Amino acid sequence: MDFAETKDKIFIFLYNTEIETAFMEDSVTLVIKPLKSIILYRPVFPDITIKKTESKVELVLKKKENIKWYTINGPKTKEYKPRFSKQKEIDLCKEEVTNNIEEDAFTLISRIYDISNDDVRRAMEKSFIESDGTVFSTDWEEVKNKKVLPKK
């Protein structure tokens, strides 16, 4: 697994030597084996772009804060304590974990789906199916009246 970032996005690269992917027929499931967890340094927006090539799977997530991370878990010198809002929101920031247990990408996407309202779920399902598994949108207003095209 590799990590890269820009001012407003993070990129997680999973290589085919490390993973096996399968899109399940008649469902909205991307299975990545072996199961892997990624605990992020800071919060990100729930929109996930997935790009799959012969050699890798690339996950693109948009940062909620334009802060340099340095690594997927943040700089080694400062511990980040997550802030929790009153609203039910997707918190993909570093959790209070003393060991290095990680979740797989499927669990991350499932967690987003599970805690979301019906509009977000509809948007995720529609965008994933229409884009052949390359786009996840959580904005129903954006995708409800148009076809979601695959990302290359």
C-alpha atoms as a PDB file:
ATOM      1  CA  MET A   1       0.000   0.000   0.000  1.00  0.00           C
ATOM      2  CA  ASP A   2       1.218   3.493  -0.860  1.00  0.00           C
ATOM      3  CA  PHE A   3      -0.018   6.952   0.105  1.00  0.00           C
ATOM      4  CA  ALA A   4       0.150  10.307  -1.666  1.00  0.00           C
ATOM      5  CA  GLU A   5      -1.536  13.638  -1.113  1.00  0.00           C
ATOM      6  CA  THR A   6      -2.277  17.019  -2.610  1.00  0.00           C
ATOM      7  CA  LYS A   7      -3.520  20.093  -0.790  1.00  0.00           C
ATOM      8  CA  ASP A   8      -7.125  18.831  -0.824  1.00  0.00           C
ATOM      9  CA  LYS A   9      -7.014  15.068  -1.571  1.00  0.00           C
ATOM     10  CA  ILE A  10      -5.412  11.854  -0.414  1.00  0.00           C
ATOM     11  CA  PHE A  11      -4.600   8.878  -2.618  1.00  0.00           C
ATOM     12  CA  ILE A  12      -4.328   5.319  -1.364  1.00  0.00           C
ATOM     13  CA  PHE A  13      -2.788   2.802  -3.760  1.00  0.00           C
ATOM     14  CA  LEU A  14      -3.390  -0.918  -3.278  1.00  0.00           C
ATOM     15  CA  TYR A  15      -1.333  -3.092  -5.605  1.00  0.00           C
ATOM     16  CA  ASN A  16      -2.551  -6.276  -7.256  1.00  0.00           C
ATOM     17  CA  THR A  17       0.322  -8.204  -5.755  1.00  0.00           C
ATOM     18  CA  GLU A  18      -1.306  -7.400  -2.420  1.00  0.00           C
ATOM     19  CA  ILE A  19      -5.009  -7.639  -3.283  1.00  0.00           C
ATOM     20  CA  GLU A  20      -7.715  -9.555  -5.029  1.00  0.00           C
ATOM     21  CA  THR A  21     -10.804  -7.572  -6.076  1.00  0.00           C
ATOM     22  CA  ALA A  22     -14.234  -8.793  -7.078  1.00  0.00           C
ATOM     23  CA  PHE A  23     -17.414  -6.949  -7.956  1.00  0.00           C
ATOM     24  CA  MET A  24     -20.351  -9.030  -6.782  1.00  0.00           C
ATOM     25  CA  GLU A  25     -23.168  -9.532  -9.297  1.00  0.00           C
ATOM     26  CA  ASP A  26     -26.548  -8.019  -8.335  1.00  0.00           C
ATOM     27  CA  SER A  27     -25.113  -6.103  -5.401  1.00  0.00           C
ATOM     28  CA  VAL A  28     -23.205  -2.999  -4.542  1.00  0.00           C
ATOM     29  CA  THR A  29     -20.119  -4.651  -3.169  1.00  0.00           C
ATOM     30  CA  LEU A  30     -16.431  -4.297  -3.852  1.00  0.00           C
ATOM     31  CA  VAL A  31     -14.494  -7.042  -2.103  1.00  0.00           C
ATOM     32  CA  ILE A  32     -10.819  -6.430  -1.486  1.00  0.00           C
ATOM     33  CA  LYS A  33      -8.845  -9.385  -0.157  1.00  0.00           C
ATOM     34  CA  PRO A  34      -6.968  -9.863   2.024  1.00  0.00           C
ATOM     35  CA  LEU A  35      -9.107  -7.710   4.284  1.00  0.00           C
ATOM     36  CA  LYS A  36      -7.289  -4.531   5.121  1.00  0.00           C
ATOM     37  CA  SER A  37      -8.059  -1.560   7.304  1.00  0.00           C
ATOM     38  CA  ILE A  38      -6.956   1.994   6.850  1.00  0.00           C
ATOM     39  CA  ILE A  39      -7.209   4.404   9.781  1.00  0.00           C
ATOM     40  CA  LEU A  40      -6.873   7.948   8.524  1.00  0.00           C
ATOM     41  CA  TYR A  41      -5.086  10.840  10.238  1.00  0.00           C
ATOM     42  CA  ARG A  42      -7.787  13.480   9.683  1.00  0.00           C
ATOM     43  CA  PRO A  43     -11.442  13.484   8.569  1.00  0.00           C
ATOM     44  CA  VAL A  44     -12.332  13.200   4.880  1.00  0.00           C
ATOM     45  CA  PHE A  45     -15.539  13.679   2.916  1.00  0.00           C
ATOM     46  CA  PRO A  46     -17.501  10.484   2.251  1.00  0.00           C
ATOM     47  CA  ASP A  47     -17.188  10.728  -1.567  1.00  0.00           C
ATOM     48  CA  ILE A  48     -14.772   8.041  -2.673  1.00  0.00           C
ATOM     49  CA  THR A  49     -13.425   7.634  -6.180  1.00  0.00           C
ATOM     50  CA  ILE A  50     -12.116   4.185  -7.000  1.00  0.00           C
ATOM     51  CA  LYS A  51      -9.845   3.699 -10.004  1.00  0.00           C
ATOM     52  CA  LYS A  52      -8.909   0.126 -10.897  1.00  0.00           C
ATOM     53  CA  THR A  53      -6.148  -0.728 -13.359  1.00  0.00           C
ATOM     54  CA  GLU A  54      -4.358  -3.975 -14.110  1.00  0.00           C
ATOM     55  CA  SER A  55      -1.685  -3.238 -11.532  1.00  0.00           C
ATOM     56  CA  LYS A  56      -3.487  -1.370  -8.753  1.00  0.00           C
ATOM     57  CA  VAL A  57      -6.636  -0.018  -7.127  1.00  0.00           C
ATOM     58  CA  GLU A  58      -6.522   3.694  -6.329  1.00  0.00           C
ATOM     59  CA  LEU A  59      -8.818   5.222  -3.693  1.00  0.00           C
ATOM     60  CA  VAL A  60      -9.180   9.012  -3.900  1.00  0.00           C
ATOM     61  CA  LEU A  61     -10.677  10.843  -0.920  1.00  0.00           C
ATOM     62  CA  LYS A  62     -11.190  14.586  -0.409  1.00  0.00           C
ATOM     63  CA  LYS A  63      -9.791  16.102   2.785  1.00  0.00           C
ATOM     64  CA  LYS A  64     -12.139  18.090   5.035  1.00  0.00           C
ATOM     65  CA  GLU A  65      -9.194  20.274   6.067  1.00  0.00           C
ATOM     66  CA  ASN A  66      -6.401  21.429   3.767  1.00  0.00           C
ATOM     67  CA  ILE A  67      -3.670  20.251   6.135  1.00  0.00           C
ATOM     68  CA  LYS A  68      -0.535  18.350   5.132  1.00  0.00           C
ATOM     69  CA  TRP A  69      -0.661  14.790   6.478  1.00  0.00           C
ATOM     70  CA  TYR A  70       2.889  13.606   5.597  1.00  0.00           C
ATOM     71  CA  THR A  71       1.737   9.972   6.010  1.00  0.00           C
ATOM     72  CA  ILE A  72      -1.653   8.289   6.013  1.00  0.00           C
ATOM     73  CA  ASN A  73      -1.518   8.341   9.822  1.00  0.00           C
ATOM     74  CA  GLY A  74      -0.176  11.897  10.044  1.00  0.00           C
ATOM     75  CA  PRO A  75       3.115  13.244  11.342  1.00  0.00           C
ATOM     76  CA  LYS A  76       4.816  11.079  13.939  1.00  0.00           C
ATOM     77  CA  THR A  77       5.394  13.924  16.408  1.00  0.00           C
ATOM     78  CA  LYS A  78       1.830  15.025  17.147  1.00  0.00           C
ATOM     79  CA  GLU A  79      -1.128  12.914  18.238  1.00  0.00           C
ATOM     80  CA  TYR A  80      -4.508  13.891  16.761  1.00  0.00           C
ATOM     81  CA  LYS A  81      -7.594  13.530  18.909  1.00  0.00           C
ATOM     82  CA  PRO A  82     -10.793  13.370  16.839  1.00  0.00           C
ATOM     83  CA  ARG A  83     -13.592  15.863  17.322  1.00  0.00           C
ATOM     84  CA  PHE A  84     -17.108  14.512  17.248  1.00  0.00           C
ATOM     85  CA  SER A  85     -20.018  16.652  16.110  1.00  0.00           C
ATOM     86  CA  LYS A  86     -23.611  16.330  17.272  1.00  0.00           C
ATOM     87  CA  GLN A  87     -24.684  15.354  13.778  1.00  0.00           C
ATOM     88  CA  LYS A  88     -24.399  11.829  12.535  1.00  0.00           C
ATOM     89  CA  GLU A  89     -21.410  12.260  10.266  1.00  0.00           C
ATOM     90  CA  ILE A  90     -18.823  10.042   8.774  1.00  0.00           C
ATOM     91  CA  ASP A  91     -15.727  10.206  10.889  1.00  0.00           C
ATOM     92  CA  LEU A  92     -12.803   8.640   9.084  1.00  0.00           C
ATOM     93  CA  CYS A  93     -10.219  10.202  11.350  1.00  0.00           C
ATOM     94  CA  LYS A  94      -7.761   8.392  13.557  1.00  0.00           C
ATOM     95  CA  GLU A  95      -9.617   6.492  16.266  1.00  0.00           C
ATOM     96  CA  GLU A  96      -8.490   5.811  19.799  1.00  0.00           C
ATOM     97  CA  VAL A  97      -6.778   2.534  19.112  1.00  0.00           C
ATOM     98  CA  THR A  98      -3.684   1.317  20.880  1.00  0.00           C
ATOM     99  CA  ASN A  99      -2.935  -1.469  18.419  1.00  0.00           C
ATOM    100  CA  ASN A 100      -2.601  -1.277  14.657  1.00  0.00           C
ATOM    101  CA  ILE A 101      -5.803  -3.107  13.709  1.00  0.00           C
ATOM    102  CA  GLU A 102      -6.918  -1.881  10.314  1.00  0.00           C
ATOM    103  CA  GLU A 103     -10.212  -2.076   8.439  1.00  0.00           C
ATOM    104  CA  ASP A 104     -10.514  -3.076   4.848  1.00  0.00           C
ATOM    105  CA  ALA A 105     -11.841  -0.724   2.172  1.00  0.00           C
ATOM    106  CA  PHE A 106     -15.066  -2.708   2.045  1.00  0.00           C
ATOM    107  CA  THR A 107     -15.665  -2.146   5.759  1.00  0.00           C
ATOM    108  CA  LEU A 108     -14.977   1.561   5.314  1.00  0.00           C
ATOM    109  CA  ILE A 109     -17.511   1.834   2.496  1.00  0.00           C
ATOM    110  CA  SER A 110     -19.990  -0.333   4.416  1.00  0.00           C
ATOM    111  CA  ARG A 111     -19.643   1.886   7.478  1.00  0.00           C
ATOM    112  CA  ILE A 112     -20.392   4.975   5.397  1.00  0.00           C
ATOM    113  CA  TYR A 113     -23.409   3.227   3.861  1.00  0.00           C
ATOM    114  CA  ASP A 114     -24.703   1.966   7.230  1.00  0.00           C
ATOM    115  CA  ILE A 115     -24.709   5.334   8.986  1.00  0.00           C
ATOM    116  CA  SER A 116     -26.108   7.303   6.052  1.00  0.00           C
ATOM    117  CA  ASN A 117     -29.682   8.317   5.267  1.00  0.00           C
ATOM    118  CA  ASP A 118     -31.731   6.902   2.369  1.00  0.00           C
ATOM    119  CA  ASP A 119     -30.704   9.643  -0.089  1.00  0.00           C
ATOM    120  CA  VAL A 120     -27.011   9.011   0.530  1.00  0.00           C
ATOM    121  CA  ARG A 121     -27.541   5.266   0.137  1.00  0.00           C
ATOM    122  CA  ARG A 122     -29.436   5.758  -3.138  1.00  0.00           C
ATOM    123  CA  ALA A 123     -26.653   8.003  -4.424  1.00  0.00           C
ATOM    124  CA  MET A 124     -23.970   5.465  -3.470  1.00  0.00           C
ATOM    125  CA  GLU A 125     -25.832   2.588  -5.124  1.00  0.00           C
ATOM    126  CA  LYS A 126     -26.688   4.495  -8.319  1.00  0.00           C
ATOM    127  CA  SER A 127     -23.231   6.000  -8.776  1.00  0.00           C
ATOM    128  CA  PHE A 128     -21.444   2.707  -8.086  1.00  0.00           C
ATOM    129  CA  ILE A 129     -23.614   0.639 -10.441  1.00  0.00           C
ATOM    130  CA  GLU A 130     -23.729   3.147 -13.314  1.00  0.00           C
ATOM    131  CA  SER A 131     -19.988   3.856 -13.154  1.00  0.00           C
ATOM    132  CA  ASP A 132     -19.048   0.175 -13.160  1.00  0.00           C
ATOM    133  CA  GLY A 133     -17.652   0.488  -9.652  1.00  0.00           C
ATOM    134  CA  THR A 134     -15.372   3.469 -10.257  1.00  0.00           C
ATOM    135  CA  VAL A 135     -17.374   6.241  -8.524  1.00  0.00           C
ATOM    136  CA  PHE A 136     -19.069   6.552  -5.153  1.00  0.00           C
ATOM    137  CA  SER A 137     -21.194   9.653  -4.676  1.00  0.00           C
ATOM    138  CA  THR A 138     -23.138  10.523  -1.555  1.00  0.00           C
ATOM    139  CA  ASP A 139     -24.960  13.471  -3.131  1.00  0.00           C
ATOM    140  CA  TRP A 140     -28.363  12.260  -4.350  1.00  0.00           C
ATOM    141  CA  GLU A 141     -29.281  15.677  -5.777  1.00  0.00           C
ATOM    142  CA  GLU A 142     -26.187  15.531  -7.981  1.00  0.00           C
ATOM    143  CA  VAL A 143     -26.739  12.020  -9.386  1.00  0.00           C
ATOM    144  CA  LYS A 144     -30.494  11.404  -9.345  1.00  0.00           C
ATOM    145  CA  ASN A 145     -31.249  12.925 -12.772  1.00  0.00           C
ATOM    146  CA  LYS A 146     -28.109  12.015 -14.695  1.00  0.00           C
ATOM    147  CA  LYS A 147     -26.074   8.952 -15.601  1.00  0.00           C
ATOM    148  CA  VAL A 148     -22.866   8.555 -13.623  1.00  0.00           C
ATOM    149  CA  LEU A 149     -20.058   7.881 -16.075  1.00  0.00           C
ATOM    150  CA  PRO A 150     -17.128   5.592 -15.275  1.00  0.00           C
ATOM    151  CA  LYS A 151     -13.862   7.260 -14.262  1.00  0.00           C
ATOM    152  CA  LYS A 152     -10.789   6.145 -16.158  1.00  0.00           C
END
